[in-house]
Amino acid sequence: MREEYNINELNPRKNPYSKKLKKQITININEETIEYFKEMAEKNGIPYQTLINMYLTDCAESKRELKIAWV
């Protein structure tokens, strides 16, 4: 390890993941939905919160619209 570094000679790179940072929020989800995602996550070997995030990200990226039918 050097005793001094010349900052001007370093190759500064932007973090490629900085645009994909997650933000912690609080959300109310019914128990049946959470259990569904927990079971699916266990089958796939990933945390259920990651699975929920992946699903919501897919919905947002594909601009999926919810079909709401009021009874």
PDB file of N, CA and C in Angstrom:
ATOM      1  N   MET A   1       0.834  -1.171   0.000  1.00  0.00           N
ATOM      2  CA  MET A   1       0.000   0.000   0.000  1.00  0.00           C
ATOM      3  C   MET A   1       0.885   1.243   0.000  1.00  0.00           C
ATOM      4  N   ARG A   2       0.546   2.207  -0.817  1.00  0.00           N
ATOM      5  CA  ARG A   2       1.316   3.442  -0.888  1.00  0.00           C
ATOM      6  C   ARG A   2       1.067   4.320   0.330  1.00  0.00           C
ATOM      7  N   GLU A   3       2.043   5.140   0.615  1.00  0.00           N
ATOM      8  CA  GLU A   3       1.853   6.087   1.705  1.00  0.00           C
ATOM      9  C   GLU A   3       0.995   7.262   1.264  1.00  0.00           C
ATOM     10  N   GLU A   4       1.086   7.611  -0.021  1.00  0.00           N
ATOM     11  CA  GLU A   4       0.282   8.713  -0.562  1.00  0.00           C
ATOM     12  C   GLU A   4      -0.292   8.306  -1.911  1.00  0.00           C
ATOM     13  N   TYR A   5      -1.433   8.828  -2.220  1.00  0.00           N
ATOM     14  CA  TYR A   5      -2.070   8.596  -3.515  1.00  0.00           C
ATOM     15  C   TYR A   5      -2.335   9.936  -4.176  1.00  0.00           C
ATOM     16  N   ASN A   6      -2.120   9.991  -5.479  1.00  0.00           N
ATOM     17  CA  ASN A   6      -2.420  11.191  -6.238  1.00  0.00           C
ATOM     18  C   ASN A   6      -3.855  11.056  -6.749  1.00  0.00           C
ATOM     19  N   ILE A   7      -4.764  11.811  -6.170  1.00  0.00           N
ATOM     20  CA  ILE A   7      -6.178  11.714  -6.508  1.00  0.00           C
ATOM     21  C   ILE A   7      -6.427  12.050  -7.974  1.00  0.00           C
ATOM     22  N   ASN A   8      -5.632  12.910  -8.554  1.00  0.00           N
ATOM     23  CA  ASN A   8      -5.801  13.293  -9.957  1.00  0.00           C
ATOM     24  C   ASN A   8      -5.510  12.138 -10.908  1.00  0.00           C
ATOM     25  N   GLU A   9      -4.738  11.151 -10.464  1.00  0.00           N
ATOM     26  CA  GLU A   9      -4.398  10.015 -11.321  1.00  0.00           C
ATOM     27  C   GLU A   9      -5.392   8.860 -11.181  1.00  0.00           C
ATOM     28  N   LEU A  10      -6.272   8.935 -10.207  1.00  0.00           N
ATOM     29  CA  LEU A  10      -7.253   7.867 -10.027  1.00  0.00           C
ATOM     30  C   LEU A  10      -8.301   7.910 -11.128  1.00  0.00           C
ATOM     31  N   ASN A  11      -8.891   6.778 -11.401  1.00  0.00           N
ATOM     32  CA  ASN A  11      -9.924   6.685 -12.434  1.00  0.00           C
ATOM     33  C   ASN A  11     -11.287   6.650 -11.734  1.00  0.00           C
ATOM     34  N   PRO A  12     -11.875   7.824 -11.486  1.00  0.00           N
ATOM     35  CA  PRO A  12     -13.162   7.814 -10.772  1.00  0.00           C
ATOM     36  C   PRO A  12     -14.279   7.271 -11.664  1.00  0.00           C
ATOM     37  N   ARG A  13     -14.997   6.298 -11.143  1.00  0.00           N
ATOM     38  CA  ARG A  13     -16.127   5.730 -11.868  1.00  0.00           C
ATOM     39  C   ARG A  13     -17.386   5.924 -11.046  1.00  0.00           C
ATOM     40  N   LYS A  14     -18.467   6.169 -11.729  1.00  0.00           N
ATOM     41  CA  LYS A  14     -19.740   6.272 -11.036  1.00  0.00           C
ATOM     42  C   LYS A  14     -20.210   4.876 -10.660  1.00  0.00           C
ATOM     43  N   ASN A  15     -20.909   4.798  -9.558  1.00  0.00           N
ATOM     44  CA  ASN A  15     -21.466   3.532  -9.108  1.00  0.00           C
ATOM     45  C   ASN A  15     -22.575   3.114 -10.079  1.00  0.00           C
ATOM     46  N   PRO A  16     -22.443   1.975 -10.770  1.00  0.00           N
ATOM     47  CA  PRO A  16     -23.471   1.569 -11.738  1.00  0.00           C
ATOM     48  C   PRO A  16     -24.800   1.193 -11.082  1.00  0.00           C
ATOM     49  N   TYR A  17     -24.787   0.957  -9.779  1.00  0.00           N
ATOM     50  CA  TYR A  17     -26.003   0.552  -9.078  1.00  0.00           C
ATOM     51  C   TYR A  17     -26.692   1.710  -8.359  1.00  0.00           C
ATOM     52  N   SER A  18     -26.131   2.900  -8.447  1.00  0.00           N
ATOM     53  CA  SER A  18     -26.686   4.028  -7.698  1.00  0.00           C
ATOM     54  C   SER A  18     -28.111   4.374  -8.111  1.00  0.00           C
ATOM     55  N   LYS A  19     -28.477   4.098  -9.353  1.00  0.00           N
ATOM     56  CA  LYS A  19     -29.840   4.377  -9.801  1.00  0.00           C
ATOM     57  C   LYS A  19     -30.817   3.301  -9.351  1.00  0.00           C
ATOM     58  N   LYS A  20     -30.304   2.176  -8.872  1.00  0.00           N
ATOM     59  CA  LYS A  20     -31.162   1.074  -8.464  1.00  0.00           C
ATOM     60  C   LYS A  20     -31.218   0.917  -6.946  1.00  0.00           C
ATOM     61  N   LEU A  21     -30.853   1.956  -6.230  1.00  0.00           N
ATOM     62  CA  LEU A  21     -30.901   1.878  -4.774  1.00  0.00           C
ATOM     63  C   LEU A  21     -32.342   1.732  -4.312  1.00  0.00           C
ATOM     64  N   LYS A  22     -32.511   0.999  -3.231  1.00  0.00           N
ATOM     65  CA  LYS A  22     -33.843   0.777  -2.696  1.00  0.00           C
ATOM     66  C   LYS A  22     -34.136   1.797  -1.606  1.00  0.00           C
ATOM     67  N   LYS A  23     -35.404   2.102  -1.436  1.00  0.00           N
ATOM     68  CA  LYS A  23     -35.838   3.012  -0.397  1.00  0.00           C
ATOM     69  C   LYS A  23     -36.765   2.249   0.533  1.00  0.00           C
ATOM     70  N   GLN A  24     -36.486   2.330   1.814  1.00  0.00           N
ATOM     71  CA  GLN A  24     -37.314   1.632   2.788  1.00  0.00           C
ATOM     72  C   GLN A  24     -38.610   2.410   3.002  1.00  0.00           C
ATOM     73  N   ILE A  25     -39.731   1.683   2.952  1.00  0.00           N
ATOM     74  CA  ILE A  25     -41.042   2.277   3.172  1.00  0.00           C
ATOM     75  C   ILE A  25     -41.838   1.386   4.117  1.00  0.00           C
ATOM     76  N   THR A  26     -42.964   1.878   4.540  1.00  0.00           N
ATOM     77  CA  THR A  26     -43.905   1.077   5.316  1.00  0.00           C
ATOM     78  C   THR A  26     -45.158   0.919   4.470  1.00  0.00           C
ATOM     79  N   ILE A  27     -45.630  -0.311   4.358  1.00  0.00           N
ATOM     80  CA  ILE A  27     -46.808  -0.582   3.535  1.00  0.00           C
ATOM     81  C   ILE A  27     -47.657  -1.633   4.248  1.00  0.00           C
ATOM     82  N   ASN A  28     -48.947  -1.479   4.178  1.00  0.00           N
ATOM     83  CA  ASN A  28     -49.862  -2.454   4.782  1.00  0.00           C
ATOM     84  C   ASN A  28     -50.299  -3.444   3.705  1.00  0.00           C
ATOM     85  N   ILE A  29     -50.015  -4.715   3.948  1.00  0.00           N
ATOM     86  CA  ILE A  29     -50.376  -5.784   3.012  1.00  0.00           C
ATOM     87  C   ILE A  29     -51.119  -6.836   3.815  1.00  0.00           C
ATOM     88  N   ASN A  30     -52.221  -7.347   3.255  1.00  0.00           N
ATOM     89  CA  ASN A  30     -52.994  -8.329   4.021  1.00  0.00           C
ATOM     90  C   ASN A  30     -52.209  -9.633   4.196  1.00  0.00           C
ATOM     91  N   GLU A  31     -52.540 -10.350   5.253  1.00  0.00           N
ATOM     92  CA  GLU A  31     -51.788 -11.545   5.637  1.00  0.00           C
ATOM     93  C   GLU A  31     -51.786 -12.631   4.568  1.00  0.00           C
ATOM     94  N   GLU A  32     -52.896 -12.800   3.868  1.00  0.00           N
ATOM     95  CA  GLU A  32     -52.969 -13.835   2.828  1.00  0.00           C
ATOM     96  C   GLU A  32     -51.966 -13.553   1.707  1.00  0.00           C
ATOM     97  N   THR A  33     -51.825 -12.291   1.363  1.00  0.00           N
ATOM     98  CA  THR A  33     -50.886 -11.915   0.308  1.00  0.00           C
ATOM     99  C   THR A  33     -49.452 -12.158   0.751  1.00  0.00           C
ATOM    100  N   ILE A  34     -49.149 -11.799   1.985  1.00  0.00           N
ATOM    101  CA  ILE A  34     -47.795 -12.020   2.503  1.00  0.00           C
ATOM    102  C   ILE A  34     -47.482 -13.510   2.541  1.00  0.00           C
ATOM    103  N   GLU A  35     -48.426 -14.320   2.986  1.00  0.00           N
ATOM    104  CA  GLU A  35     -48.221 -15.770   3.030  1.00  0.00           C
ATOM    105  C   GLU A  35     -47.994 -16.336   1.629  1.00  0.00           C
ATOM    106  N   TYR A  36     -48.749 -15.834   0.653  1.00  0.00           N
ATOM    107  CA  TYR A  36     -48.571 -16.272  -0.739  1.00  0.00           C
ATOM    108  C   TYR A  36     -47.134 -16.031  -1.192  1.00  0.00           C
ATOM    109  N   PHE A  37     -46.628 -14.800  -0.958  1.00  0.00           N
ATOM    110  CA  PHE A  37     -45.279 -14.475  -1.390  1.00  0.00           C
ATOM    111  C   PHE A  37     -44.224 -15.222  -0.576  1.00  0.00           C
ATOM    112  N   LYS A  38     -44.475 -15.487   0.706  1.00  0.00           N
ATOM    113  CA  LYS A  38     -43.534 -16.245   1.513  1.00  0.00           C
ATOM    114  C   LYS A  38     -43.413 -17.671   1.000  1.00  0.00           C
ATOM    115  N   GLU A  39     -44.549 -18.287   0.654  1.00  0.00           N
ATOM    116  CA  GLU A  39     -44.525 -19.653   0.117  1.00  0.00           C
ATOM    117  C   GLU A  39     -43.800 -19.699  -1.229  1.00  0.00           C
ATOM    118  N   MET A  40     -44.107 -18.733  -2.088  1.00  0.00           N
ATOM    119  CA  MET A  40     -43.458 -18.688  -3.397  1.00  0.00           C
ATOM    120  C   MET A  40     -41.956 -18.430  -3.248  1.00  0.00           C
ATOM    121  N   ALA A  41     -41.585 -17.570  -2.304  1.00  0.00           N
ATOM    122  CA  ALA A  41     -40.180 -17.253  -2.077  1.00  0.00           C
ATOM    123  C   ALA A  41     -39.421 -18.478  -1.552  1.00  0.00           C
ATOM    124  N   GLU A  42     -40.056 -19.227  -0.666  1.00  0.00           N
ATOM    125  CA  GLU A  42     -39.410 -20.419  -0.132  1.00  0.00           C
ATOM    126  C   GLU A  42     -39.170 -21.449  -1.232  1.00  0.00           C
ATOM    127  N   LYS A  43     -40.132 -21.615  -2.132  1.00  0.00           N
ATOM    128  CA  LYS A  43     -39.963 -22.547  -3.256  1.00  0.00           C
ATOM    129  C   LYS A  43     -38.805 -22.137  -4.154  1.00  0.00           C
ATOM    130  N   ASN A  44     -38.589 -20.825  -4.301  1.00  0.00           N
ATOM    131  CA  ASN A  44     -37.552 -20.317  -5.195  1.00  0.00           C
ATOM    132  C   ASN A  44     -36.239 -19.997  -4.474  1.00  0.00           C
ATOM    133  N   GLY A  45     -36.237 -20.104  -3.148  1.00  0.00           N
ATOM    134  CA  GLY A  45     -35.009 -19.896  -2.393  1.00  0.00           C
ATOM    135  C   GLY A  45     -34.537 -18.454  -2.309  1.00  0.00           C
ATOM    136  N   ILE A  46     -35.487 -17.519  -2.298  1.00  0.00           N
ATOM    137  CA  ILE A  46     -35.132 -16.109  -2.157  1.00  0.00           C
ATOM    138  C   ILE A  46     -36.003 -15.482  -1.078  1.00  0.00           C
ATOM    139  N   PRO A  47     -35.555 -14.385  -0.468  1.00  0.00           N
ATOM    140  CA  PRO A  47     -36.379 -13.724   0.549  1.00  0.00           C
ATOM    141  C   PRO A  47     -37.684 -13.190  -0.046  1.00  0.00           C
ATOM    142  N   TYR A  48     -38.747 -13.264   0.738  1.00  0.00           N
ATOM    143  CA  TYR A  48     -40.059 -12.854   0.209  1.00  0.00           C
ATOM    144  C   TYR A  48     -40.117 -11.369  -0.114  1.00  0.00           C
ATOM    145  N   GLN A  49     -39.395 -10.535   0.646  1.00  0.00           N
ATOM    146  CA  GLN A  49     -39.397  -9.105   0.339  1.00  0.00           C
ATOM    147  C   GLN A  49     -38.727  -8.837  -1.009  1.00  0.00           C
ATOM    148  N   THR A  50     -37.686  -9.600  -1.316  1.00  0.00           N
ATOM    149  CA  THR A  50     -37.028  -9.490  -2.612  1.00  0.00           C
ATOM    150  C   THR A  50     -37.987  -9.904  -3.718  1.00  0.00           C
ATOM    151  N   LEU A  51     -38.741 -10.962  -3.479  1.00  0.00           N
ATOM    152  CA  LEU A  51     -39.708 -11.437  -4.461  1.00  0.00           C
ATOM    153  C   LEU A  51     -40.803 -10.398  -4.711  1.00  0.00           C
ATOM    154  N   ILE A  52     -41.309  -9.789  -3.653  1.00  0.00           N
ATOM    155  CA  ILE A  52     -42.321  -8.742  -3.803  1.00  0.00           C
ATOM    156  C   ILE A  52     -41.740  -7.574  -4.593  1.00  0.00           C
ATOM    157  N   ASN A  53     -40.502  -7.192  -4.279  1.00  0.00           N
ATOM    158  CA  ASN A  53     -39.854  -6.100  -5.006  1.00  0.00           C
ATOM    159  C   ASN A  53     -39.691  -6.451  -6.483  1.00  0.00           C
ATOM    160  N   MET A  54     -39.284  -7.684  -6.767  1.00  0.00           N
ATOM    161  CA  MET A  54     -39.121  -8.111  -8.164  1.00  0.00           C
ATOM    162  C   MET A  54     -40.452  -8.050  -8.909  1.00  0.00           C
ATOM    163  N   TYR A  55     -41.518  -8.486  -8.258  1.00  0.00           N
ATOM    164  CA  TYR A  55     -42.829  -8.483  -8.887  1.00  0.00           C
ATOM    165  C   TYR A  55     -43.296  -7.057  -9.168  1.00  0.00           C
ATOM    166  N   LEU A  56     -43.159  -6.179  -8.176  1.00  0.00           N
ATOM    167  CA  LEU A  56     -43.587  -4.789  -8.367  1.00  0.00           C
ATOM    168  C   LEU A  56     -42.731  -4.085  -9.416  1.00  0.00           C
ATOM    169  N   THR A  57     -41.434  -4.386  -9.440  1.00  0.00           N
ATOM    170  CA  THR A  57     -40.548  -3.810 -10.449  1.00  0.00           C
ATOM    171  C   THR A  57     -40.970  -4.254 -11.843  1.00  0.00           C
ATOM    172  N   ASP A  58     -41.305  -5.542 -11.984  1.00  0.00           N
ATOM    173  CA  ASP A  58     -41.761  -6.054 -13.275  1.00  0.00           C
ATOM    174  C   ASP A  58     -43.044  -5.347 -13.711  1.00  0.00           C
ATOM    175  N   CYS A  59     -43.967  -5.149 -12.772  1.00  0.00           N
ATOM    176  CA  CYS A  59     -45.214  -4.435 -13.090  1.00  0.00           C
ATOM    177  C   CYS A  59     -44.927  -3.016 -13.566  1.00  0.00           C
ATOM    178  N   ALA A  60     -44.028  -2.331 -12.868  1.00  0.00           N
ATOM    179  CA  ALA A  60     -43.713  -0.942 -13.211  1.00  0.00           C
ATOM    180  C   ALA A  60     -43.001  -0.855 -14.561  1.00  0.00           C
ATOM    181  N   GLU A  61     -42.043  -1.750 -14.803  1.00  0.00           N
ATOM    182  CA  GLU A  61     -41.289  -1.711 -16.053  1.00  0.00           C
ATOM    183  C   GLU A  61     -42.155  -2.052 -17.257  1.00  0.00           C
ATOM    184  N   SER A  62     -43.101  -2.953 -17.088  1.00  0.00           N
ATOM    185  CA  SER A  62     -43.976  -3.327 -18.204  1.00  0.00           C
ATOM    186  C   SER A  62     -45.231  -2.459 -18.249  1.00  0.00           C
ATOM    187  N   LYS A  63     -45.290  -1.489 -17.338  1.00  0.00           N
ATOM    188  CA  LYS A  63     -46.418  -0.545 -17.270  1.00  0.00           C
ATOM    189  C   LYS A  63     -47.760  -1.279 -17.208  1.00  0.00           C
ATOM    190  N   ARG A  64     -47.773  -2.360 -16.422  1.00  0.00           N
ATOM    191  CA  ARG A  64     -48.982  -3.156 -16.245  1.00  0.00           C
ATOM    192  C   ARG A  64     -50.019  -2.341 -15.490  1.00  0.00           C
ATOM    193  N   GLU A  65     -51.226  -2.335 -15.975  1.00  0.00           N
ATOM    194  CA  GLU A  65     -52.299  -1.588 -15.320  1.00  0.00           C
ATOM    195  C   GLU A  65     -53.243  -2.562 -14.634  1.00  0.00           C
ATOM    196  N   LEU A  66     -53.664  -2.182 -13.457  1.00  0.00           N
ATOM    197  CA  LEU A  66     -54.575  -2.991 -12.660  1.00  0.00           C
ATOM    198  C   LEU A  66     -55.997  -2.872 -13.206  1.00  0.00           C
ATOM    199  N   LYS A  67     -56.650  -4.009 -13.357  1.00  0.00           N
ATOM    200  CA  LYS A  67     -58.044  -4.007 -13.797  1.00  0.00           C
ATOM    201  C   LYS A  67     -58.907  -4.016 -12.542  1.00  0.00           C
ATOM    202  N   ILE A  68     -59.576  -2.916 -12.286  1.00  0.00           N
ATOM    203  CA  ILE A  68     -60.391  -2.796 -11.084  1.00  0.00           C
ATOM    204  C   ILE A  68     -61.859  -2.898 -11.473  1.00  0.00           C
ATOM    205  N   ALA A  69     -62.569  -3.796 -10.785  1.00  0.00           N
ATOM    206  CA  ALA A  69     -63.989  -3.954 -11.026  1.00  0.00           C
ATOM    207  C   ALA A  69     -64.706  -3.766  -9.689  1.00  0.00           C
ATOM    208  N   TRP A  70     -65.399  -2.679  -9.554  1.00  0.00           N
ATOM    209  CA  TRP A  70     -66.148  -2.405  -8.321  1.00  0.00           C
ATOM    210  C   TRP A  70     -67.473  -3.163  -8.375  1.00  0.00           C
ATOM    211  N   VAL A  71     -67.742  -3.923  -7.356  1.00  0.00           N
ATOM    212  CA  VAL A  71     -68.956  -4.746  -7.327  1.00  0.00           C
ATOM    213  C   VAL A  71     -70.050  -4.016  -6.602  1.00  0.00           C
TER     214      VAL A  71
END
